[in-house]
């Protein structure tokens, strides 16, 4: 295959760019595939990133990721934007990555696609790792003993709320825009587990810093609002289409779409790694993603060199 690389990184956010910088430093032929027109992911929307190593003042996510993309390319990595991955074939030593434009091969694959879950459209709902989560399964240690408000528009939100009662101190469920058809049996289950069901509202905005978060709700029948105080907001709105690509390729994921990976970023498929938000939405802060991407790049290098 003419388009054979040592490493292909799917996703050009902070984790993917950090992985690309290090893979390039290691002398690996590296390709980054980013579905959007510009690399950077959700980080490009951050106006002022505080306490990022090396920056004494706030830095915009856009400026930071532009510098990272430039450094990755300077280190030898190829960066393709507007190139969405549509299929993965991972059953052979040389893995095949299909996009809408071309087909590529690689020895090692790093997934850095960000979280795989959809949102409901609330302001600041993407402030992951700061009192907002999308996956109760991978974030269980952070949810233990907390007051949690689940905001969802799919039936999975009811199931997640029920499961959370085994670890959380208190659970409430907001039926966003009353989009979930809550039947009598569901209501009885929620009442039995002492889960407060809130209907007739839509999630509008998430405010505050952990452990004190405020969820602003808007009345569906008027202009009034209601504010709920909580420790954590869990958003459940289904998974993004790319999660199906992962599952079809045999990559194991959590219920809400996060890739299951061990402490070295290794997934259920040999030679496939996961870094950043696609592996855990609770720790999806930019510095954490950058560190994760660098660490997983090292693990991919060791895999290519020693098969471990």
Protein backbone atom coordinates (compact mmCIF):
# COMPACT_ATOMS: atom_id res chain seq x y z
CA UNK A 1 0.00 0.00 0.00
CA UNK A 2 1.47 3.33 -1.08
CA UNK A 3 -0.25 5.26 1.72
CA UNK A 4 1.32 3.17 4.49
CA UNK A 5 2.30 5.03 7.67
CA UNK A 6 3.84 3.96 10.95
CA UNK A 7 1.10 5.74 12.91
CA UNK A 8 -2.25 7.22 11.97
CA UNK A 9 -3.91 9.51 14.49
CA UNK A 10 -7.65 9.99 14.10
CA UNK A 11 -8.51 13.40 15.53
CA UNK A 12 -6.61 16.67 15.56
CA UNK A 13 -7.52 18.05 18.97
CA UNK A 14 -5.02 18.60 21.82
CA UNK A 15 -4.52 14.87 22.45
CA UNK A 16 -4.07 14.05 18.77
CA UNK A 17 -1.71 16.95 18.12
CA UNK A 18 0.38 16.12 21.18
CA UNK A 19 0.61 12.51 20.00
CA UNK A 20 1.62 13.74 16.53
CA UNK A 21 4.37 15.98 17.95
CA UNK A 22 5.90 13.08 19.85
CA UNK A 23 5.47 10.51 17.07
CA UNK A 24 7.24 12.94 14.75
CA UNK A 25 10.01 13.42 17.30
CA UNK A 26 10.44 9.63 17.41
CA UNK A 27 10.97 9.63 13.63
CA UNK A 28 7.73 7.76 12.92
CA UNK A 29 5.90 8.40 9.65
CA UNK A 30 2.77 9.98 11.09
CA UNK A 31 -0.55 11.08 9.62
CA UNK A 32 -3.24 13.04 11.47
CA UNK A 33 -6.79 12.86 10.08
CA UNK A 34 -9.12 15.63 11.27
CA UNK A 35 -12.75 15.71 10.14
CA UNK A 36 -13.20 19.46 10.65
CA UNK A 37 -11.80 22.27 8.51
CA UNK A 38 -9.34 23.24 11.23
CA UNK A 39 -7.39 21.23 13.77
CA UNK A 40 -7.89 21.90 17.47
CA UNK A 41 -11.22 20.30 18.30
CA UNK A 42 -13.34 21.80 21.07
CA UNK A 43 -10.25 23.52 22.49
CA UNK A 44 -10.48 26.16 19.73
CA UNK A 45 -13.63 27.48 21.45
CA UNK A 46 -11.82 28.21 24.72
CA UNK A 47 -11.28 31.97 25.01
CA UNK A 48 -8.90 31.92 27.95
CA UNK A 49 -7.14 28.76 29.09
CA UNK A 50 -5.69 29.26 32.55
CA UNK A 51 -2.67 27.61 34.15
CA UNK A 52 -1.46 25.89 31.01
CA UNK A 53 2.23 24.96 31.49
CA UNK A 54 4.52 27.54 29.91
CA UNK A 55 1.92 30.33 29.74
CA UNK A 56 1.85 32.73 32.70
CA UNK A 57 -1.21 34.46 31.29
CA UNK A 58 -4.37 33.05 29.77
CA UNK A 59 -3.98 31.65 26.27
CA UNK A 60 -6.79 31.09 23.79
CA UNK A 61 -7.43 27.51 22.79
CA UNK A 62 -7.21 28.54 19.13
CA UNK A 63 -3.74 30.05 19.54
CA UNK A 64 -2.50 27.07 21.52
CA UNK A 65 -3.74 24.43 19.06
CA UNK A 66 -2.44 26.43 16.07
CA UNK A 67 1.02 26.35 17.67
CA UNK A 68 0.66 22.63 18.35
CA UNK A 69 -0.39 21.90 14.76
CA UNK A 70 2.58 23.90 13.44
CA UNK A 71 4.96 22.03 15.74
CA UNK A 72 3.53 18.66 14.70
CA UNK A 73 4.08 19.46 11.03
CA UNK A 74 7.56 20.84 11.76
CA UNK A 75 8.37 17.52 13.44
CA UNK A 76 7.39 15.67 10.28
CA UNK A 77 3.74 14.72 10.82
CA UNK A 78 1.25 15.11 7.99
CA UNK A 79 -1.99 16.88 8.91
CA UNK A 80 -5.07 16.39 6.76
CA UNK A 81 -8.12 18.47 7.68
CA UNK A 82 -11.66 18.05 6.31
CA UNK A 83 -11.00 14.32 6.06
CA UNK A 84 -13.55 12.27 7.94
CA UNK A 85 -12.86 8.61 8.72
CA UNK A 86 -15.69 6.38 7.53
CA UNK A 87 -14.41 2.86 8.17
CA UNK A 88 -11.67 0.97 10.02
CA UNK A 89 -10.37 -2.50 9.12
CA UNK A 90 -8.26 -3.74 12.01
CA UNK A 91 -8.14 -7.52 11.62
CA UNK A 92 -4.68 -7.58 10.01
CA UNK A 93 -1.20 -6.43 11.02
CA UNK A 94 -1.49 -3.47 8.64
CA UNK A 95 -4.56 -1.55 9.71
CA UNK A 96 -6.69 0.12 7.02
CA UNK A 97 -8.32 3.52 7.50
CA UNK A 98 -10.91 4.65 4.96
CA UNK A 99 -11.92 8.31 4.63
CA UNK A 100 -14.25 10.11 2.25
CA UNK A 101 -11.16 11.06 0.19
CA UNK A 102 -8.74 8.14 0.32
CA UNK A 103 -7.56 4.92 1.96
CA UNK A 104 -4.52 4.72 4.25
CA UNK A 105 -2.64 1.97 6.05
CA UNK A 106 -0.70 1.97 9.32
CA UNK A 107 1.10 -0.25 11.79
CA UNK A 108 -0.37 1.51 14.83
CA UNK A 109 -3.55 3.54 15.21
CA UNK A 110 -4.20 6.24 17.83
CA UNK A 111 -7.79 7.33 18.42
CA UNK A 112 -8.01 10.93 19.63
CA UNK A 113 -11.49 11.84 18.43
CA UNK A 114 -12.73 13.55 21.57
CA UNK A 115 -15.86 12.43 23.37
CA UNK A 116 -18.25 10.24 21.40
CA UNK A 117 -21.40 11.57 22.96
CA UNK A 118 -23.91 14.09 21.68
CA UNK A 119 -25.02 17.10 23.72
CA UNK A 120 -28.45 18.62 24.17
CA UNK A 121 -27.44 22.19 23.30
CA UNK A 122 -26.86 23.76 26.72
CA UNK A 123 -24.40 26.59 27.14
CA UNK A 124 -21.12 25.33 28.65
CA UNK A 125 -22.18 21.69 28.36
CA UNK A 126 -18.81 21.01 26.72
CA UNK A 127 -16.92 22.12 29.86
CA UNK A 128 -15.86 18.54 30.41
CA UNK A 129 -13.87 17.66 33.49
CA UNK A 130 -15.18 20.68 35.40
CA UNK A 131 -18.34 19.26 36.87
CA UNK A 132 -19.74 18.07 33.53
CA UNK A 133 -19.58 14.47 32.31
CA UNK A 134 -21.06 12.37 29.54
CA UNK A 135 -20.14 8.85 30.63
CA UNK A 136 -21.15 7.55 34.05
CA UNK A 137 -19.33 4.27 33.46
CA UNK A 138 -15.82 5.63 32.92
CA UNK A 139 -16.38 8.42 35.45
CA UNK A 140 -17.72 6.31 38.32
CA UNK A 141 -14.89 7.22 40.75
CA UNK A 142 -15.64 10.94 40.27
CA UNK A 143 -19.38 10.45 40.81
CA UNK A 144 -19.25 8.47 44.04
CA UNK A 145 -21.06 10.17 46.91
CA UNK A 146 -22.02 13.21 44.80
CA UNK A 147 -25.27 15.00 44.10
CA UNK A 148 -25.85 14.47 40.38
CA UNK A 149 -28.33 15.90 37.90
CA UNK A 150 -28.79 13.86 34.73
CA UNK A 151 -29.96 15.87 31.71
CA UNK A 152 -31.11 13.76 28.79
CA UNK A 153 -33.34 13.48 25.78
CA UNK A 154 -33.09 9.72 25.17
CA UNK A 155 -34.21 6.68 27.16
CA UNK A 156 -30.60 5.90 28.06
CA UNK A 157 -30.78 8.88 30.44
CA UNK A 158 -33.33 6.99 32.56
CA UNK A 159 -31.10 3.91 32.62
CA UNK A 160 -28.03 5.94 33.60
CA UNK A 161 -29.96 7.72 36.38
CA UNK A 162 -31.07 4.36 37.78
CA UNK A 163 -27.51 2.98 37.71
CA UNK A 164 -26.12 6.08 39.41
CA UNK A 165 -28.15 5.46 42.56
CA UNK A 166 -25.67 2.73 43.51
CA UNK A 167 -22.79 5.23 43.79
CA UNK A 168 -24.27 8.75 44.04
CA UNK A 169 -25.60 10.46 47.13
CA UNK A 170 -28.60 11.92 45.31
CA UNK A 171 -29.83 11.73 41.70
CA UNK A 172 -32.26 13.92 39.77
CA UNK A 173 -33.30 13.48 36.15
CA UNK A 174 -34.24 16.34 33.83
CA UNK A 175 -36.32 15.13 30.88
CA UNK A 176 -34.92 17.67 28.41
CA UNK A 177 -37.78 19.21 26.39
CA UNK A 178 -39.90 16.21 27.52
CA UNK A 179 -38.32 14.22 24.68
CA UNK A 180 -38.21 10.98 26.69
CA UNK A 181 -41.47 9.03 26.73
CA UNK A 182 -41.49 8.12 30.42
CA UNK A 183 -44.09 5.39 30.85
CA UNK A 184 -45.72 4.27 34.10
CA UNK A 185 -43.21 1.47 34.67
CA UNK A 186 -40.27 3.91 34.37
CA UNK A 187 -41.93 6.32 36.77
CA UNK A 188 -42.33 3.57 39.36
CA UNK A 189 -38.68 2.60 38.98
CA UNK A 190 -37.57 6.20 39.43
CA UNK A 191 -39.79 6.65 42.48
CA UNK A 192 -38.51 3.40 44.00
CA UNK A 193 -34.89 4.59 43.66
CA UNK A 194 -35.88 8.05 44.96
CA UNK A 195 -34.86 9.81 41.76
CA UNK A 196 -36.49 13.19 41.30
CA UNK A 197 -37.99 13.47 37.80
CA UNK A 198 -38.14 17.01 36.43
CA UNK A 199 -40.38 17.57 33.41
CA UNK A 200 -41.64 20.60 31.53
CA UNK A 201 -38.15 22.13 31.26
CA UNK A 202 -35.15 22.27 28.97
CA UNK A 203 -31.52 22.55 29.98
CA UNK A 204 -30.27 26.07 29.20
CA UNK A 205 -26.90 26.65 30.84
CA UNK A 206 -24.37 25.15 33.25
CA UNK A 207 -22.66 27.54 35.64
CA UNK A 208 -20.25 27.45 38.56
CA UNK A 209 -17.14 25.52 39.43
CA UNK A 210 -16.98 22.09 41.06
CA UNK A 211 -18.02 21.05 43.58
CA UNK A 212 -20.76 23.70 43.33
CA UNK A 213 -22.46 23.67 39.92
CA UNK A 214 -25.71 25.36 38.88
CA UNK A 215 -27.93 24.02 36.14
CA UNK A 216 -30.25 26.63 34.67
CA UNK A 217 -33.51 25.25 33.29
CA UNK A 218 -36.02 27.05 31.10
CA UNK A 219 -39.78 26.50 31.29
CA UNK A 220 -41.15 24.97 28.10
CA UNK A 221 -44.41 26.84 28.53
CA UNK A 222 -43.00 30.28 29.31
CA UNK A 223 -39.94 32.48 29.71
CA UNK A 224 -39.23 31.66 33.36
CA UNK A 225 -36.18 29.78 34.59
CA UNK A 226 -35.29 27.46 37.43
CA UNK A 227 -31.83 26.80 38.87
CA UNK A 228 -30.71 23.50 40.35
CA UNK A 229 -27.62 23.31 42.56
CA UNK A 230 -25.56 20.16 42.28
CA UNK A 231 -22.03 18.69 42.29
CA UNK A 232 -22.07 17.18 38.81
CA UNK A 233 -24.14 17.38 35.61
CA UNK A 234 -24.30 14.22 33.49
CA UNK A 235 -25.45 14.79 29.89
CA UNK A 236 -27.02 11.80 28.12
CA UNK A 237 -28.14 12.39 24.53
CA UNK A 238 -26.95 9.38 22.55
CA UNK A 239 -23.69 8.75 20.71
CA UNK A 240 -22.10 10.38 17.68
CA UNK A 241 -21.95 8.46 14.38
CA UNK A 242 -18.21 7.73 14.64
CA UNK A 243 -18.87 5.49 17.66
CA UNK A 244 -20.58 3.06 15.27
CA UNK A 245 -17.40 3.00 13.16
CA UNK A 246 -15.41 2.04 16.23
CA UNK A 247 -17.85 -0.65 17.32
CA UNK A 248 -18.09 -2.13 13.84
CA UNK A 249 -14.30 -2.42 13.82
CA UNK A 250 -14.38 -4.45 17.05
CA UNK A 251 -13.19 -1.70 19.39
CA UNK A 252 -14.83 -2.05 22.77
CA UNK A 253 -16.61 1.03 24.12
CA UNK A 254 -18.55 1.97 27.23
CA UNK A 255 -22.34 2.28 27.06
CA UNK A 256 -22.16 5.99 26.25
CA UNK A 257 -19.43 5.74 23.63
CA UNK A 258 -16.10 6.15 25.46
CA UNK A 259 -13.37 3.81 24.21
CA UNK A 260 -12.34 1.24 26.83
CA UNK A 261 -8.58 1.61 27.32
CA UNK A 262 -6.08 0.56 29.97
CA UNK A 263 -3.54 2.77 31.72
CA UNK A 264 -1.28 2.66 28.66
CA UNK A 265 -4.03 3.68 26.24
CA UNK A 266 -4.31 0.17 24.79
CA UNK A 267 -7.77 -0.77 23.50
CA UNK A 268 -9.38 -4.16 22.88
CA UNK A 269 -7.65 -4.34 19.47
CA UNK A 270 -3.91 -4.99 19.30
CA UNK A 271 -2.03 -1.95 18.03
CA UNK A 272 -4.93 0.44 18.53
CA UNK A 273 -4.62 3.09 21.25
CA UNK A 274 -6.93 5.78 22.61
CA UNK A 275 -6.01 9.17 24.09
CA UNK A 276 -7.82 12.15 25.53
CA UNK A 277 -11.56 12.65 25.68
CA UNK A 278 -12.52 9.62 23.59
CA UNK A 279 -11.25 7.41 26.42
CA UNK A 280 -12.66 9.40 29.36
CA UNK A 281 -14.86 12.49 29.33
CA UNK A 282 -14.43 13.26 33.03
CA UNK A 283 -10.72 14.02 32.61
CA UNK A 284 -11.18 15.86 29.34
CA UNK A 285 -9.21 19.01 30.24
CA UNK A 286 -6.72 20.38 27.73
CA UNK A 287 -3.53 19.84 29.82
CA UNK A 288 -4.68 16.31 30.68
CA UNK A 289 -5.40 15.55 27.02
CA UNK A 290 -2.00 16.84 25.95
CA UNK A 291 -0.25 14.70 28.55
CA UNK A 292 -2.37 11.71 27.58
CA UNK A 293 -1.54 12.14 23.91
CA UNK A 294 2.19 12.33 24.62
CA UNK A 295 2.07 9.24 26.84
CA UNK A 296 0.05 7.19 24.34
CA UNK A 297 2.45 8.19 21.55
CA UNK A 298 5.27 6.70 23.61
CA UNK A 299 3.26 3.51 24.11
CA UNK A 300 2.60 3.30 20.35
CA UNK A 301 6.34 3.72 19.69
CA UNK A 302 7.14 0.87 22.09
CA UNK A 303 4.49 -1.27 20.41
CA UNK A 304 6.07 -0.68 17.00
CA UNK A 305 9.56 -1.39 18.33
CA UNK A 306 8.87 -4.37 20.60
CA UNK A 307 5.27 -5.43 19.98
CA UNK A 308 4.16 -4.62 23.51
